[in-house]
């Protein structure tokens, strides 16, 4: 059974939004949307349990 390609649709949507913002909003708007999109992506990963915060920090030995 094939799973619906959710991440492909999310990537397509995000790319389309970035393209529209870049075309009509200029470089500053493009960069703001890009940064907020990446932040939202990582917040979503953390909330889903895909990333464990302690593993991101370097361990001091």
PDB file of N, CA and C in Angstrom:
ATOM      1  N   UNK A   1       0.841  -1.174   0.000  1.00  0.00           N
ATOM      2  CA  UNK A   1       0.000   0.000   0.000  1.00  0.00           C
ATOM      3  C   UNK A   1       0.886   1.237   0.000  1.00  0.00           C
ATOM      4  N   UNK A   2       0.676   2.149  -0.952  1.00  0.00           N
ATOM      5  CA  UNK A   2       1.465   3.365  -1.047  1.00  0.00           C
ATOM      6  C   UNK A   2       0.885   4.449  -0.164  1.00  0.00           C
ATOM      7  N   UNK A   3       1.793   5.151   0.502  1.00  0.00           N
ATOM      8  CA  UNK A   3       1.357   6.250   1.349  1.00  0.00           C
ATOM      9  C   UNK A   3       1.249   7.517   0.505  1.00  0.00           C
ATOM     10  N   UNK A   4       0.283   8.346   0.795  1.00  0.00           N
ATOM     11  CA  UNK A   4       0.096   9.609   0.080  1.00  0.00           C
ATOM     12  C   UNK A   4       1.330  10.481   0.285  1.00  0.00           C
ATOM     13  N   UNK A   5       1.892  11.053  -0.771  1.00  0.00           N
ATOM     14  CA  UNK A   5       3.144  11.823  -0.651  1.00  0.00           C
ATOM     15  C   UNK A   5       2.929  13.201  -0.034  1.00  0.00           C
ATOM     16  N   UNK A   6       2.757  13.224   1.271  1.00  0.00           N
ATOM     17  CA  UNK A   6       2.450  14.465   1.973  1.00  0.00           C
ATOM     18  C   UNK A   6       3.592  15.455   1.849  1.00  0.00           C
ATOM     19  N   UNK A   7       4.821  15.004   2.025  1.00  0.00           N
ATOM     20  CA  UNK A   7       5.957  15.925   2.005  1.00  0.00           C
ATOM     21  C   UNK A   7       6.178  16.510   0.618  1.00  0.00           C
ATOM     22  N   UNK A   8       5.848  15.763  -0.425  1.00  0.00           N
ATOM     23  CA  UNK A   8       5.966  16.301  -1.777  1.00  0.00           C
ATOM     24  C   UNK A   8       4.979  17.445  -1.986  1.00  0.00           C
ATOM     25  N   UNK A   9       3.769  17.271  -1.480  1.00  0.00           N
ATOM     26  CA  UNK A   9       2.757  18.315  -1.600  1.00  0.00           C
ATOM     27  C   UNK A   9       3.148  19.539  -0.771  1.00  0.00           C
ATOM     28  N   UNK A  10       3.677  19.313   0.427  1.00  0.00           N
ATOM     29  CA  UNK A  10       4.117  20.428   1.276  1.00  0.00           C
ATOM     30  C   UNK A  10       5.253  21.180   0.592  1.00  0.00           C
ATOM     31  N   UNK A  11       6.214  20.453   0.028  1.00  0.00           N
ATOM     32  CA  UNK A  11       7.319  21.093  -0.675  1.00  0.00           C
ATOM     33  C   UNK A  11       6.860  21.869  -1.893  1.00  0.00           C
ATOM     34  N   UNK A  12       5.930  21.299  -2.639  1.00  0.00           N
ATOM     35  CA  UNK A  12       5.384  21.982  -3.806  1.00  0.00           C
ATOM     36  C   UNK A  12       4.659  23.261  -3.407  1.00  0.00           C
ATOM     37  N   UNK A  13       3.871  23.201  -2.353  1.00  0.00           N
ATOM     38  CA  UNK A  13       3.142  24.371  -1.872  1.00  0.00           C
ATOM     39  C   UNK A  13       4.101  25.459  -1.396  1.00  0.00           C
ATOM     40  N   UNK A  14       5.097  25.055  -0.625  1.00  0.00           N
ATOM     41  CA  UNK A  14       6.067  26.020  -0.110  1.00  0.00           C
ATOM     42  C   UNK A  14       6.849  26.664  -1.258  1.00  0.00           C
ATOM     43  N   UNK A  15       7.243  25.881  -2.232  1.00  0.00           N
ATOM     44  CA  UNK A  15       7.956  26.425  -3.387  1.00  0.00           C
ATOM     45  C   UNK A  15       7.103  27.381  -4.199  1.00  0.00           C
ATOM     46  N   UNK A  16       5.837  27.050  -4.355  1.00  0.00           N
ATOM     47  CA  UNK A  16       4.926  27.929  -5.089  1.00  0.00           C
ATOM     48  C   UNK A  16       4.735  29.249  -4.354  1.00  0.00           C
ATOM     49  N   UNK A  17       4.564  29.186  -3.061  1.00  0.00           N
ATOM     50  CA  UNK A  17       4.406  30.407  -2.267  1.00  0.00           C
ATOM     51  C   UNK A  17       5.664  31.261  -2.352  1.00  0.00           C
ATOM     52  N   UNK A  18       6.843  30.627  -2.258  1.00  0.00           N
ATOM     53  CA  UNK A  18       8.086  31.384  -2.374  1.00  0.00           C
ATOM     54  C   UNK A  18       8.214  32.029  -3.749  1.00  0.00           C
ATOM     55  N   UNK A  19       7.804  31.321  -4.782  1.00  0.00           N
ATOM     56  CA  UNK A  19       7.855  31.879  -6.124  1.00  0.00           C
ATOM     57  C   UNK A  19       6.954  33.084  -6.293  1.00  0.00           C
ATOM     58  N   UNK A  20       5.750  32.998  -5.768  1.00  0.00           N
ATOM     59  CA  UNK A  20       4.808  34.117  -5.868  1.00  0.00           C
ATOM     60  C   UNK A  20       5.303  35.318  -5.071  1.00  0.00           C
ATOM     61  N   UNK A  21       5.798  35.056  -3.867  1.00  0.00           N
ATOM     62  CA  UNK A  21       6.312  36.160  -3.042  1.00  0.00           C
ATOM     63  C   UNK A  21       7.534  36.783  -3.693  1.00  0.00           C
ATOM     64  N   UNK A  22       8.411  35.957  -4.266  1.00  0.00           N
ATOM     65  CA  UNK A  22       9.590  36.492  -4.942  1.00  0.00           C
ATOM     66  C   UNK A  22       9.231  37.317  -6.159  1.00  0.00           C
ATOM     67  N   UNK A  23       8.193  36.912  -6.876  1.00  0.00           N
ATOM     68  CA  UNK A  23       7.799  37.628  -8.085  1.00  0.00           C
ATOM     69  C   UNK A  23       7.120  38.959  -7.781  1.00  0.00           C
ATOM     70  N   UNK A  24       6.313  39.007  -6.738  1.00  0.00           N
ATOM     71  CA  UNK A  24       5.529  40.209  -6.464  1.00  0.00           C
ATOM     72  C   UNK A  24       5.997  41.013  -5.261  1.00  0.00           C
ATOM     73  N   UNK A  25       6.744  40.379  -4.357  1.00  0.00           N
ATOM     74  CA  UNK A  25       7.110  41.069  -3.120  1.00  0.00           C
ATOM     75  C   UNK A  25       8.545  41.540  -3.059  1.00  0.00           C
ATOM     76  N   UNK A  26       9.385  41.055  -3.948  1.00  0.00           N
ATOM     77  CA  UNK A  26      10.781  41.468  -3.932  1.00  0.00           C
ATOM     78  C   UNK A  26      11.631  40.547  -3.076  1.00  0.00           C
ATOM     79  N   UNK A  27      12.910  40.876  -3.010  1.00  0.00           N
ATOM     80  CA  UNK A  27      13.880  40.024  -2.313  1.00  0.00           C
ATOM     81  C   UNK A  27      13.650  39.982  -0.808  1.00  0.00           C
ATOM     82  N   UNK A  28      13.341  41.120  -0.191  1.00  0.00           N
ATOM     83  CA  UNK A  28      13.143  41.146   1.258  1.00  0.00           C
ATOM     84  C   UNK A  28      11.970  40.265   1.678  1.00  0.00           C
ATOM     85  N   UNK A  29      10.865  40.359   0.985  1.00  0.00           N
ATOM     86  CA  UNK A  29       9.701  39.530   1.306  1.00  0.00           C
ATOM     87  C   UNK A  29      10.024  38.057   1.075  1.00  0.00           C
ATOM     88  N   UNK A  30      10.766  37.753   0.009  1.00  0.00           N
ATOM     89  CA  UNK A  30      11.166  36.381  -0.287  1.00  0.00           C
ATOM     90  C   UNK A  30      11.982  35.802   0.862  1.00  0.00           C
ATOM     91  N   UNK A  31      12.967  36.556   1.349  1.00  0.00           N
ATOM     92  CA  UNK A  31      13.819  36.067   2.428  1.00  0.00           C
ATOM     93  C   UNK A  31      13.050  35.898   3.728  1.00  0.00           C
ATOM     94  N   UNK A  32      12.124  36.807   4.014  1.00  0.00           N
ATOM     95  CA  UNK A  32      11.314  36.683   5.230  1.00  0.00           C
ATOM     96  C   UNK A  32      10.461  35.420   5.178  1.00  0.00           C
ATOM     97  N   UNK A  33       9.814  35.180   4.047  1.00  0.00           N
ATOM     98  CA  UNK A  33       8.981  33.981   3.910  1.00  0.00           C
ATOM     99  C   UNK A  33       9.836  32.723   3.982  1.00  0.00           C
ATOM    100  N   UNK A  34      11.020  32.760   3.383  1.00  0.00           N
ATOM    101  CA  UNK A  34      11.911  31.604   3.422  1.00  0.00           C
ATOM    102  C   UNK A  34      12.340  31.280   4.852  1.00  0.00           C
ATOM    103  N   UNK A  35      12.770  32.287   5.595  1.00  0.00           N
ATOM    104  CA  UNK A  35      13.224  32.060   6.972  1.00  0.00           C
ATOM    105  C   UNK A  35      12.075  31.588   7.853  1.00  0.00           C
ATOM    106  N   UNK A  36      10.920  32.220   7.747  1.00  0.00           N
ATOM    107  CA  UNK A  36       9.779  31.800   8.566  1.00  0.00           C
ATOM    108  C   UNK A  36       9.302  30.400   8.186  1.00  0.00           C
ATOM    109  N   UNK A  37       9.398  30.045   6.919  1.00  0.00           N
ATOM    110  CA  UNK A  37       9.033  28.698   6.495  1.00  0.00           C
ATOM    111  C   UNK A  37       9.950  27.645   7.085  1.00  0.00           C
ATOM    112  N   UNK A  38      11.245  27.922   7.098  1.00  0.00           N
ATOM    113  CA  UNK A  38      12.208  26.974   7.677  1.00  0.00           C
ATOM    114  C   UNK A  38      11.993  26.851   9.178  1.00  0.00           C
ATOM    115  N   UNK A  39      11.764  27.961   9.855  1.00  0.00           N
ATOM    116  CA  UNK A  39      11.492  27.926  11.296  1.00  0.00           C
ATOM    117  C   UNK A  39      10.227  27.117  11.574  1.00  0.00           C
ATOM    118  N   UNK A  40       9.185  27.358  10.806  1.00  0.00           N
ATOM    119  CA  UNK A  40       7.945  26.606  10.983  1.00  0.00           C
ATOM    120  C   UNK A  40       8.129  25.123  10.715  1.00  0.00           C
ATOM    121  N   UNK A  41       8.967  24.785   9.732  1.00  0.00           N
ATOM    122  CA  UNK A  41       9.254  23.385   9.442  1.00  0.00           C
ATOM    123  C   UNK A  41       9.907  22.703  10.642  1.00  0.00           C
ATOM    124  N   UNK A  42      10.911  23.356  11.248  1.00  0.00           N
ATOM    125  CA  UNK A  42      11.590  22.747  12.387  1.00  0.00           C
ATOM    126  C   UNK A  42      10.701  22.690  13.624  1.00  0.00           C
ATOM    127  N   UNK A  43       9.854  23.681  13.822  1.00  0.00           N
ATOM    128  CA  UNK A  43       8.907  23.625  14.943  1.00  0.00           C
ATOM    129  C   UNK A  43       7.952  22.458  14.750  1.00  0.00           C
ATOM    130  N   UNK A  44       7.484  22.250  13.514  1.00  0.00           N
ATOM    131  CA  UNK A  44       6.609  21.113  13.228  1.00  0.00           C
ATOM    132  C   UNK A  44       7.297  19.790  13.469  1.00  0.00           C
ATOM    133  N   UNK A  45       8.573  19.678  13.074  1.00  0.00           N
ATOM    134  CA  UNK A  45       9.322  18.443  13.318  1.00  0.00           C
ATOM    135  C   UNK A  45       9.469  18.168  14.813  1.00  0.00           C
ATOM    136  N   UNK A  46       9.760  19.207  15.573  1.00  0.00           N
ATOM    137  CA  UNK A  46       9.920  19.042  17.020  1.00  0.00           C
ATOM    138  C   UNK A  46       8.603  18.616  17.654  1.00  0.00           C
ATOM    139  N   UNK A  47       7.496  19.239  17.243  1.00  0.00           N
ATOM    140  CA  UNK A  47       6.196  18.897  17.819  1.00  0.00           C
ATOM    141  C   UNK A  47       5.749  17.486  17.450  1.00  0.00           C
ATOM    142  N   UNK A  48       6.154  17.004  16.256  1.00  0.00           N
ATOM    143  CA  UNK A  48       5.812  15.645  15.857  1.00  0.00           C
ATOM    144  C   UNK A  48       6.709  14.602  16.495  1.00  0.00           C
ATOM    145  N   UNK A  49       7.791  15.044  17.109  1.00  0.00           N
ATOM    146  CA  UNK A  49       8.713  14.105  17.729  1.00  0.00           C
ATOM    147  C   UNK A  49       9.793  13.622  16.780  1.00  0.00           C
ATOM    148  N   UNK A  50       9.950  14.278  15.635  1.00  0.00           N
ATOM    149  CA  UNK A  50      10.952  13.866  14.662  1.00  0.00           C
ATOM    150  C   UNK A  50      12.355  14.285  15.032  1.00  0.00           C
ATOM    151  N   UNK A  51      12.482  15.280  15.894  1.00  0.00           N
ATOM    152  CA  UNK A  51      13.791  15.774  16.314  1.00  0.00           C
ATOM    153  C   UNK A  51      13.797  15.841  17.828  1.00  0.00           C
ATOM    154  N   UNK A  52      14.825  15.275  18.423  1.00  0.00           N
ATOM    155  CA  UNK A  52      14.964  15.369  19.864  1.00  0.00           C
ATOM    156  C   UNK A  52      15.979  16.459  20.166  1.00  0.00           C
ATOM    157  N   UNK A  53      15.554  17.459  20.936  1.00  0.00           N
ATOM    158  CA  UNK A  53      16.377  18.635  21.189  1.00  0.00           C
ATOM    159  C   UNK A  53      17.726  18.298  21.834  1.00  0.00           C
ATOM    160  N   UNK A  54      17.799  17.413  22.828  1.00  0.00           N
ATOM    161  CA  UNK A  54      19.127  17.131  23.425  1.00  0.00           C
ATOM    162  C   UNK A  54      20.136  16.566  22.428  1.00  0.00           C
ATOM    163  N   UNK A  55      19.671  15.886  21.377  1.00  0.00           N
ATOM    164  CA  UNK A  55      20.602  15.334  20.414  1.00  0.00           C
ATOM    165  C   UNK A  55      21.198  16.407  19.514  1.00  0.00           C
ATOM    166  N   UNK A  56      20.571  17.573  19.442  1.00  0.00           N
ATOM    167  CA  UNK A  56      21.077  18.652  18.601  1.00  0.00           C
ATOM    168  C   UNK A  56      22.260  19.365  19.243  1.00  0.00           C
ATOM    169  N   UNK A  57      22.332  19.367  20.549  1.00  0.00           N
ATOM    170  CA  UNK A  57      23.420  20.052  21.234  1.00  0.00           C
ATOM    171  C   UNK A  57      24.656  19.162  21.280  1.00  0.00           C
ATOM    172  N   UNK A  58      25.797  19.778  21.108  1.00  0.00           N
ATOM    173  CA  UNK A  58      27.046  19.028  21.180  1.00  0.00           C
ATOM    174  C   UNK A  58      27.333  18.668  22.643  1.00  0.00           C
ATOM    175  N   UNK A  59      27.773  17.461  22.834  1.00  0.00           N
ATOM    176  CA  UNK A  59      28.093  17.026  24.197  1.00  0.00           C
ATOM    177  C   UNK A  59      29.509  17.442  24.531  1.00  0.00           C
ATOM    178  N   UNK A  60      29.660  17.997  25.688  1.00  0.00           N
ATOM    179  CA  UNK A  60      30.997  18.370  26.160  1.00  0.00           C
ATOM    180  C   UNK A  60      31.600  17.192  26.897  1.00  0.00           C
ATOM    181  N   UNK A  61      32.824  16.911  26.535  1.00  0.00           N
ATOM    182  CA  UNK A  61      33.477  15.750  27.179  1.00  0.00           C
ATOM    183  C   UNK A  61      34.681  16.166  27.955  1.00  0.00           C
TER     184      UNK A  61
END
